[in-house]
Amino acid sequence: MVLKTFNLNENVYATFSQFYREHGMSMSKQVEFFMRSWIEKEPKAKKEYLGKLNIIRKQKSIRIGTINDLKKRYSM
């Protein structure tokens, strides 16, 4: 294990630190997962998925309403 120091925006760090604390997650482990995902080769399926996701993101979004609207519509 290696100890490294990074310069981060204080507000970003505080927000993520609180999030990870509330969810019982290790921030350093998440950073490690992120770094590993950048250096490992992406499988072909992942590239295809990301390409399709990019197309979907560029499409115009539609308003689907709230959970209460959904409950009313499907009488839940």
PDB file of N, CA and C in Angstrom:
ATOM      1  N   MET A   1       0.857  -1.174   0.000  1.00  0.00           N
ATOM      2  CA  MET A   1       0.000   0.000   0.000  1.00  0.00           C
ATOM      3  C   MET A   1       0.897   1.230   0.000  1.00  0.00           C
ATOM      4  N   VAL A   2       0.498   2.221  -0.763  1.00  0.00           N
ATOM      5  CA  VAL A   2       1.263   3.451  -0.901  1.00  0.00           C
ATOM      6  C   VAL A   2       0.406   4.610  -0.407  1.00  0.00           C
ATOM      7  N   LEU A   3       1.005   5.508   0.337  1.00  0.00           N
ATOM      8  CA  LEU A   3       0.295   6.704   0.802  1.00  0.00           C
ATOM      9  C   LEU A   3       0.669   7.850  -0.116  1.00  0.00           C
ATOM     10  N   LYS A   4      -0.345   8.476  -0.733  1.00  0.00           N
ATOM     11  CA  LYS A   4      -0.116   9.591  -1.659  1.00  0.00           C
ATOM     12  C   LYS A   4      -0.943  10.786  -1.210  1.00  0.00           C
ATOM     13  N   THR A   5      -0.485  11.961  -1.581  1.00  0.00           N
ATOM     14  CA  THR A   5      -1.190  13.197  -1.253  1.00  0.00           C
ATOM     15  C   THR A   5      -1.678  13.837  -2.539  1.00  0.00           C
ATOM     16  N   PHE A   6      -2.933  14.297  -2.538  1.00  0.00           N
ATOM     17  CA  PHE A   6      -3.515  14.959  -3.699  1.00  0.00           C
ATOM     18  C   PHE A   6      -4.059  16.314  -3.282  1.00  0.00           C
ATOM     19  N   ASN A   7      -4.003  17.262  -4.188  1.00  0.00           N
ATOM     20  CA  ASN A   7      -4.615  18.564  -3.963  1.00  0.00           C
ATOM     21  C   ASN A   7      -6.027  18.538  -4.544  1.00  0.00           C
ATOM     22  N   LEU A   8      -7.014  18.751  -3.695  1.00  0.00           N
ATOM     23  CA  LEU A   8      -8.408  18.722  -4.113  1.00  0.00           C
ATOM     24  C   LEU A   8      -9.110  19.995  -3.673  1.00  0.00           C
ATOM     25  N   ASN A   9     -10.143  20.340  -4.408  1.00  0.00           N
ATOM     26  CA  ASN A   9     -10.992  21.447  -3.999  1.00  0.00           C
ATOM     27  C   ASN A   9     -11.636  21.067  -2.664  1.00  0.00           C
ATOM     28  N   GLU A  10     -11.573  21.966  -1.711  1.00  0.00           N
ATOM     29  CA  GLU A  10     -12.052  21.672  -0.356  1.00  0.00           C
ATOM     30  C   GLU A  10     -13.528  21.288  -0.332  1.00  0.00           C
ATOM     31  N   ASN A  11     -14.358  22.008  -1.112  1.00  0.00           N
ATOM     32  CA  ASN A  11     -15.798  21.714  -1.132  1.00  0.00           C
ATOM     33  C   ASN A  11     -16.081  20.351  -1.739  1.00  0.00           C
ATOM     34  N   VAL A  12     -15.361  20.019  -2.804  1.00  0.00           N
ATOM     35  CA  VAL A  12     -15.540  18.709  -3.437  1.00  0.00           C
ATOM     36  C   VAL A  12     -15.157  17.611  -2.453  1.00  0.00           C
ATOM     37  N   TYR A  13     -14.010  17.774  -1.803  1.00  0.00           N
ATOM     38  CA  TYR A  13     -13.562  16.774  -0.839  1.00  0.00           C
ATOM     39  C   TYR A  13     -14.570  16.619   0.301  1.00  0.00           C
ATOM     40  N   ALA A  14     -15.038  17.721   0.835  1.00  0.00           N
ATOM     41  CA  ALA A  14     -15.984  17.672   1.963  1.00  0.00           C
ATOM     42  C   ALA A  14     -17.272  16.960   1.563  1.00  0.00           C
ATOM     43  N   THR A  15     -17.770  17.258   0.359  1.00  0.00           N
ATOM     44  CA  THR A  15     -19.014  16.639  -0.112  1.00  0.00           C
ATOM     45  C   THR A  15     -18.842  15.136  -0.272  1.00  0.00           C
ATOM     46  N   PHE A  16     -17.768  14.728  -0.950  1.00  0.00           N
ATOM     47  CA  PHE A  16     -17.542  13.304  -1.147  1.00  0.00           C
ATOM     48  C   PHE A  16     -17.220  12.598   0.160  1.00  0.00           C
ATOM     49  N   SER A  17     -16.486  13.242   1.023  1.00  0.00           N
ATOM     50  CA  SER A  17     -16.143  12.649   2.308  1.00  0.00           C
ATOM     51  C   SER A  17     -17.408  12.357   3.111  1.00  0.00           C
ATOM     52  N   GLN A  18     -18.319  13.308   3.135  1.00  0.00           N
ATOM     53  CA  GLN A  18     -19.580  13.124   3.857  1.00  0.00           C
ATOM     54  C   GLN A  18     -20.395  11.993   3.226  1.00  0.00           C
ATOM     55  N   PHE A  19     -20.463  11.981   1.897  1.00  0.00           N
ATOM     56  CA  PHE A  19     -21.216  10.936   1.189  1.00  0.00           C
ATOM     57  C   PHE A  19     -20.683   9.551   1.534  1.00  0.00           C
ATOM     58  N   TYR A  20     -19.367   9.380   1.451  1.00  0.00           N
ATOM     59  CA  TYR A  20     -18.776   8.076   1.731  1.00  0.00           C
ATOM     60  C   TYR A  20     -18.955   7.680   3.190  1.00  0.00           C
ATOM     61  N   ARG A  21     -18.849   8.636   4.085  1.00  0.00           N
ATOM     62  CA  ARG A  21     -19.043   8.358   5.510  1.00  0.00           C
ATOM     63  C   ARG A  21     -20.478   7.880   5.762  1.00  0.00           C
ATOM     64  N   GLU A  22     -21.458   8.591   5.178  1.00  0.00           N
ATOM     65  CA  GLU A  22     -22.866   8.241   5.379  1.00  0.00           C
ATOM     66  C   GLU A  22     -23.200   6.856   4.830  1.00  0.00           C
ATOM     67  N   HIS A  23     -22.494   6.446   3.774  1.00  0.00           N
ATOM     68  CA  HIS A  23     -22.786   5.161   3.147  1.00  0.00           C
ATOM     69  C   HIS A  23     -21.812   4.067   3.572  1.00  0.00           C
ATOM     70  N   GLY A  24     -20.956   4.382   4.529  1.00  0.00           N
ATOM     71  CA  GLY A  24     -20.025   3.382   5.055  1.00  0.00           C
ATOM     72  C   GLY A  24     -19.031   2.875   4.023  1.00  0.00           C
ATOM     73  N   MET A  25     -18.622   3.771   3.127  1.00  0.00           N
ATOM     74  CA  MET A  25     -17.704   3.387   2.061  1.00  0.00           C
ATOM     75  C   MET A  25     -16.337   4.015   2.296  1.00  0.00           C
ATOM     76  N   SER A  26     -15.331   3.400   1.722  1.00  0.00           N
ATOM     77  CA  SER A  26     -13.960   3.911   1.822  1.00  0.00           C
ATOM     78  C   SER A  26     -13.673   4.804   0.615  1.00  0.00           C
ATOM     79  N   MET A  27     -13.398   6.081   0.869  1.00  0.00           N
ATOM     80  CA  MET A  27     -13.110   6.998  -0.227  1.00  0.00           C
ATOM     81  C   MET A  27     -11.846   6.557  -0.962  1.00  0.00           C
ATOM     82  N   SER A  28     -10.830   6.141  -0.248  1.00  0.00           N
ATOM     83  CA  SER A  28      -9.579   5.746  -0.897  1.00  0.00           C
ATOM     84  C   SER A  28      -9.806   4.534  -1.805  1.00  0.00           C
ATOM     85  N   LYS A  29     -10.681   3.615  -1.397  1.00  0.00           N
ATOM     86  CA  LYS A  29     -10.967   2.447  -2.226  1.00  0.00           C
ATOM     87  C   LYS A  29     -11.683   2.874  -3.502  1.00  0.00           C
ATOM     88  N   GLN A  30     -12.585   3.842  -3.401  1.00  0.00           N
ATOM     89  CA  GLN A  30     -13.292   4.327  -4.587  1.00  0.00           C
ATOM     90  C   GLN A  30     -12.332   5.015  -5.554  1.00  0.00           C
ATOM     91  N   VAL A  31     -11.383   5.770  -5.012  1.00  0.00           N
ATOM     92  CA  VAL A  31     -10.368   6.417  -5.856  1.00  0.00           C
ATOM     93  C   VAL A  31      -9.535   5.348  -6.546  1.00  0.00           C
ATOM     94  N   GLU A  32      -9.189   4.303  -5.813  1.00  0.00           N
ATOM     95  CA  GLU A  32      -8.412   3.203  -6.397  1.00  0.00           C
ATOM     96  C   GLU A  32      -9.196   2.532  -7.526  1.00  0.00           C
ATOM     97  N   PHE A  33     -10.489   2.264  -7.306  1.00  0.00           N
ATOM     98  CA  PHE A  33     -11.324   1.666  -8.354  1.00  0.00           C
ATOM     99  C   PHE A  33     -11.360   2.565  -9.590  1.00  0.00           C
ATOM    100  N   PHE A  34     -11.501   3.867  -9.374  1.00  0.00           N
ATOM    101  CA  PHE A  34     -11.538   4.823 -10.480  1.00  0.00           C
ATOM    102  C   PHE A  34     -10.237   4.777 -11.271  1.00  0.00           C
ATOM    103  N   MET A  35      -9.105   4.808 -10.559  1.00  0.00           N
ATOM    104  CA  MET A  35      -7.803   4.796 -11.229  1.00  0.00           C
ATOM    105  C   MET A  35      -7.595   3.486 -11.990  1.00  0.00           C
ATOM    106  N   ARG A  36      -7.991   2.390 -11.373  1.00  0.00           N
ATOM    107  CA  ARG A  36      -7.841   1.089 -12.017  1.00  0.00           C
ATOM    108  C   ARG A  36      -8.669   1.026 -13.301  1.00  0.00           C
ATOM    109  N   SER A  37      -9.871   1.602 -13.273  1.00  0.00           N
ATOM    110  CA  SER A  37     -10.725   1.566 -14.458  1.00  0.00           C
ATOM    111  C   SER A  37     -10.103   2.338 -15.615  1.00  0.00           C
ATOM    112  N   TRP A  38      -9.282   3.331 -15.323  1.00  0.00           N
ATOM    113  CA  TRP A  38      -8.636   4.110 -16.375  1.00  0.00           C
ATOM    114  C   TRP A  38      -7.441   3.401 -16.981  1.00  0.00           C
ATOM    115  N   ILE A  39      -6.762   2.569 -16.205  1.00  0.00           N
ATOM    116  CA  ILE A  39      -5.546   1.936 -16.727  1.00  0.00           C
ATOM    117  C   ILE A  39      -5.795   0.561 -17.324  1.00  0.00           C
ATOM    118  N   GLU A  40      -6.895  -0.085 -16.948  1.00  0.00           N
ATOM    119  CA  GLU A  40      -7.188  -1.413 -17.484  1.00  0.00           C
ATOM    120  C   GLU A  40      -7.827  -1.288 -18.857  1.00  0.00           C
ATOM    121  N   LYS A  41      -7.623  -2.291 -19.675  1.00  0.00           N
ATOM    122  CA  LYS A  41      -8.245  -2.300 -20.992  1.00  0.00           C
ATOM    123  C   LYS A  41      -9.751  -2.483 -20.849  1.00  0.00           C
ATOM    124  N   GLU A  42     -10.492  -1.706 -21.625  1.00  0.00           N
ATOM    125  CA  GLU A  42     -11.940  -1.844 -21.612  1.00  0.00           C
ATOM    126  C   GLU A  42     -12.361  -2.972 -22.544  1.00  0.00           C
ATOM    127  N   PRO A  43     -13.236  -3.841 -22.085  1.00  0.00           N
ATOM    128  CA  PRO A  43     -13.744  -4.881 -22.985  1.00  0.00           C
ATOM    129  C   PRO A  43     -14.593  -4.250 -24.089  1.00  0.00           C
ATOM    130  N   LYS A  44     -14.715  -4.946 -25.200  1.00  0.00           N
ATOM    131  CA  LYS A  44     -15.462  -4.436 -26.348  1.00  0.00           C
ATOM    132  C   LYS A  44     -16.905  -4.111 -25.972  1.00  0.00           C
ATOM    133  N   ALA A  45     -17.526  -4.963 -25.185  1.00  0.00           N
ATOM    134  CA  ALA A  45     -18.923  -4.738 -24.803  1.00  0.00           C
ATOM    135  C   ALA A  45     -19.066  -3.419 -24.046  1.00  0.00           C
ATOM    136  N   LYS A  46     -18.104  -3.094 -23.227  1.00  0.00           N
ATOM    137  CA  LYS A  46     -18.185  -1.858 -22.460  1.00  0.00           C
ATOM    138  C   LYS A  46     -18.106  -0.654 -23.402  1.00  0.00           C
ATOM    139  N   LYS A  47     -17.221  -0.710 -24.407  1.00  0.00           N
ATOM    140  CA  LYS A  47     -17.117   0.388 -25.363  1.00  0.00           C
ATOM    141  C   LYS A  47     -18.423   0.552 -26.133  1.00  0.00           C
ATOM    142  N   GLU A  48     -19.034  -0.563 -26.530  1.00  0.00           N
ATOM    143  CA  GLU A  48     -20.309  -0.496 -27.246  1.00  0.00           C
ATOM    144  C   GLU A  48     -21.383   0.128 -26.360  1.00  0.00           C
ATOM    145  N   TYR A  49     -21.424  -0.305 -25.110  1.00  0.00           N
ATOM    146  CA  TYR A  49     -22.403   0.231 -24.171  1.00  0.00           C
ATOM    147  C   TYR A  49     -22.209   1.725 -23.975  1.00  0.00           C
ATOM    148  N   LEU A  50     -20.966   2.152 -23.790  1.00  0.00           N
ATOM    149  CA  LEU A  50     -20.694   3.575 -23.589  1.00  0.00           C
ATOM    150  C   LEU A  50     -21.063   4.385 -24.822  1.00  0.00           C
ATOM    151  N   GLY A  51     -20.859   3.829 -26.008  1.00  0.00           N
ATOM    152  CA  GLY A  51     -21.257   4.507 -27.235  1.00  0.00           C
ATOM    153  C   GLY A  51     -22.764   4.695 -27.307  1.00  0.00           C
ATOM    154  N   LYS A  52     -23.503   3.643 -26.988  1.00  0.00           N
ATOM    155  CA  LYS A  52     -24.968   3.737 -26.989  1.00  0.00           C
ATOM    156  C   LYS A  52     -25.453   4.710 -25.923  1.00  0.00           C
ATOM    157  N   LEU A  53     -24.815   4.669 -24.772  1.00  0.00           N
ATOM    158  CA  LEU A  53     -25.182   5.578 -23.696  1.00  0.00           C
ATOM    159  C   LEU A  53     -24.962   7.027 -24.108  1.00  0.00           C
ATOM    160  N   ASN A  54     -23.890   7.288 -24.822  1.00  0.00           N
ATOM    161  CA  ASN A  54     -23.598   8.634 -25.307  1.00  0.00           C
ATOM    162  C   ASN A  54     -24.693   9.133 -26.246  1.00  0.00           C
ATOM    163  N   ILE A  55     -25.180   8.246 -27.114  1.00  0.00           N
ATOM    164  CA  ILE A  55     -26.270   8.606 -28.034  1.00  0.00           C
ATOM    165  C   ILE A  55     -27.528   8.945 -27.241  1.00  0.00           C
ATOM    166  N   ILE A  56     -27.835   8.127 -26.244  1.00  0.00           N
ATOM    167  CA  ILE A  56     -29.026   8.365 -25.415  1.00  0.00           C
ATOM    168  C   ILE A  56     -28.913   9.686 -24.680  1.00  0.00           C
ATOM    169  N   ARG A  57     -27.745   9.999 -24.159  1.00  0.00           N
ATOM    170  CA  ARG A  57     -27.549  11.246 -23.412  1.00  0.00           C
ATOM    171  C   ARG A  57     -27.785  12.474 -24.268  1.00  0.00           C
ATOM    172  N   LYS A  58     -27.503  12.374 -25.561  1.00  0.00           N
ATOM    173  CA  LYS A  58     -27.659  13.511 -26.461  1.00  0.00           C
ATOM    174  C   LYS A  58     -29.107  13.727 -26.888  1.00  0.00           C
ATOM    175  N   GLN A  59     -29.959  12.737 -26.657  1.00  0.00           N
ATOM    176  CA  GLN A  59     -31.360  12.850 -27.046  1.00  0.00           C
ATOM    177  C   GLN A  59     -32.107  13.794 -26.110  1.00  0.00           C
ATOM    178  N   LYS A  60     -33.178  14.361 -26.642  1.00  0.00           N
ATOM    179  CA  LYS A  60     -34.010  15.248 -25.837  1.00  0.00           C
ATOM    180  C   LYS A  60     -34.707  14.426 -24.756  1.00  0.00           C
ATOM    181  N   SER A  61     -34.668  14.922 -23.530  1.00  0.00           N
ATOM    182  CA  SER A  61     -35.302  14.198 -22.436  1.00  0.00           C
ATOM    183  C   SER A  61     -36.786  14.547 -22.353  1.00  0.00           C
ATOM    184  N   ILE A  62     -37.534  13.664 -21.748  1.00  0.00           N
ATOM    185  CA  ILE A  62     -38.964  13.902 -21.551  1.00  0.00           C
ATOM    186  C   ILE A  62     -39.265  13.888 -20.066  1.00  0.00           C
ATOM    187  N   ARG A  63     -40.272  14.644 -19.671  1.00  0.00           N
ATOM    188  CA  ARG A  63     -40.665  14.695 -18.265  1.00  0.00           C
ATOM    189  C   ARG A  63     -41.595  13.530 -17.992  1.00  0.00           C
ATOM    190  N   ILE A  64     -41.244  12.718 -17.005  1.00  0.00           N
ATOM    191  CA  ILE A  64     -42.084  11.577 -16.675  1.00  0.00           C
ATOM    192  C   ILE A  64     -42.903  11.804 -15.407  1.00  0.00           C
ATOM    193  N   GLY A  65     -42.650  12.903 -14.721  1.00  0.00           N
ATOM    194  CA  GLY A  65     -43.420  13.228 -13.526  1.00  0.00           C
ATOM    195  C   GLY A  65     -42.778  12.704 -12.259  1.00  0.00           C
ATOM    196  N   THR A  66     -43.572  12.737 -11.225  1.00  0.00           N
ATOM    197  CA  THR A  66     -43.092  12.316  -9.909  1.00  0.00           C
ATOM    198  C   THR A  66     -43.526  10.888  -9.619  1.00  0.00           C
ATOM    199  N   ILE A  67     -43.090  10.354  -8.510  1.00  0.00           N
ATOM    200  CA  ILE A  67     -43.504   9.012  -8.103  1.00  0.00           C
ATOM    201  C   ILE A  67     -45.007   8.984  -7.851  1.00  0.00           C
ATOM    202  N   ASN A  68     -45.551  10.104  -7.357  1.00  0.00           N
ATOM    203  CA  ASN A  68     -46.996  10.174  -7.135  1.00  0.00           C
ATOM    204  C   ASN A  68     -47.756  10.118  -8.455  1.00  0.00           C
ATOM    205  N   ASP A  69     -47.226  10.765  -9.495  1.00  0.00           N
ATOM    206  CA  ASP A  69     -47.840  10.683 -10.823  1.00  0.00           C
ATOM    207  C   ASP A  69     -47.851   9.235 -11.310  1.00  0.00           C
ATOM    208  N   LEU A  70     -46.771   8.530 -11.091  1.00  0.00           N
ATOM    209  CA  LEU A  70     -46.672   7.141 -11.490  1.00  0.00           C
ATOM    210  C   LEU A  70     -47.694   6.285 -10.738  1.00  0.00           C
ATOM    211  N   LYS A  71     -47.816   6.519  -9.439  1.00  0.00           N
ATOM    212  CA  LYS A  71     -48.777   5.770  -8.631  1.00  0.00           C
ATOM    213  C   LYS A  71     -50.204   6.007  -9.100  1.00  0.00           C
ATOM    214  N   LYS A  72     -50.530   7.268  -9.420  1.00  0.00           N
ATOM    215  CA  LYS A  72     -51.876   7.593  -9.917  1.00  0.00           C
ATOM    216  C   LYS A  72     -52.145   6.903 -11.244  1.00  0.00           C
ATOM    217  N   ARG A  73     -51.156   6.939 -12.119  1.00  0.00           N
ATOM    218  CA  ARG A  73     -51.336   6.386 -13.449  1.00  0.00           C
ATOM    219  C   ARG A  73     -51.533   4.877 -13.416  1.00  0.00           C
ATOM    220  N   TYR A  74     -50.785   4.209 -12.559  1.00  0.00           N
ATOM    221  CA  TYR A  74     -50.854   2.745 -12.501  1.00  0.00           C
ATOM    222  C   TYR A  74     -51.553   2.246 -11.231  1.00  0.00           C
ATOM    223  N   SER A  75     -52.324   3.128 -10.624  1.00  0.00           N
ATOM    224  CA  SER A  75     -53.118   2.838  -9.416  1.00  0.00           C
ATOM    225  C   SER A  75     -52.373   1.920  -8.429  1.00  0.00           C
ATOM    226  N   MET A  76     -51.254   2.423  -7.979  1.00  0.00           N
ATOM    227  CA  MET A  76     -50.443   1.669  -7.015  1.00  0.00           C
ATOM    228  C   MET A  76     -50.819   2.058  -5.614  1.00  0.00           C
TER     229      MET A  76
END
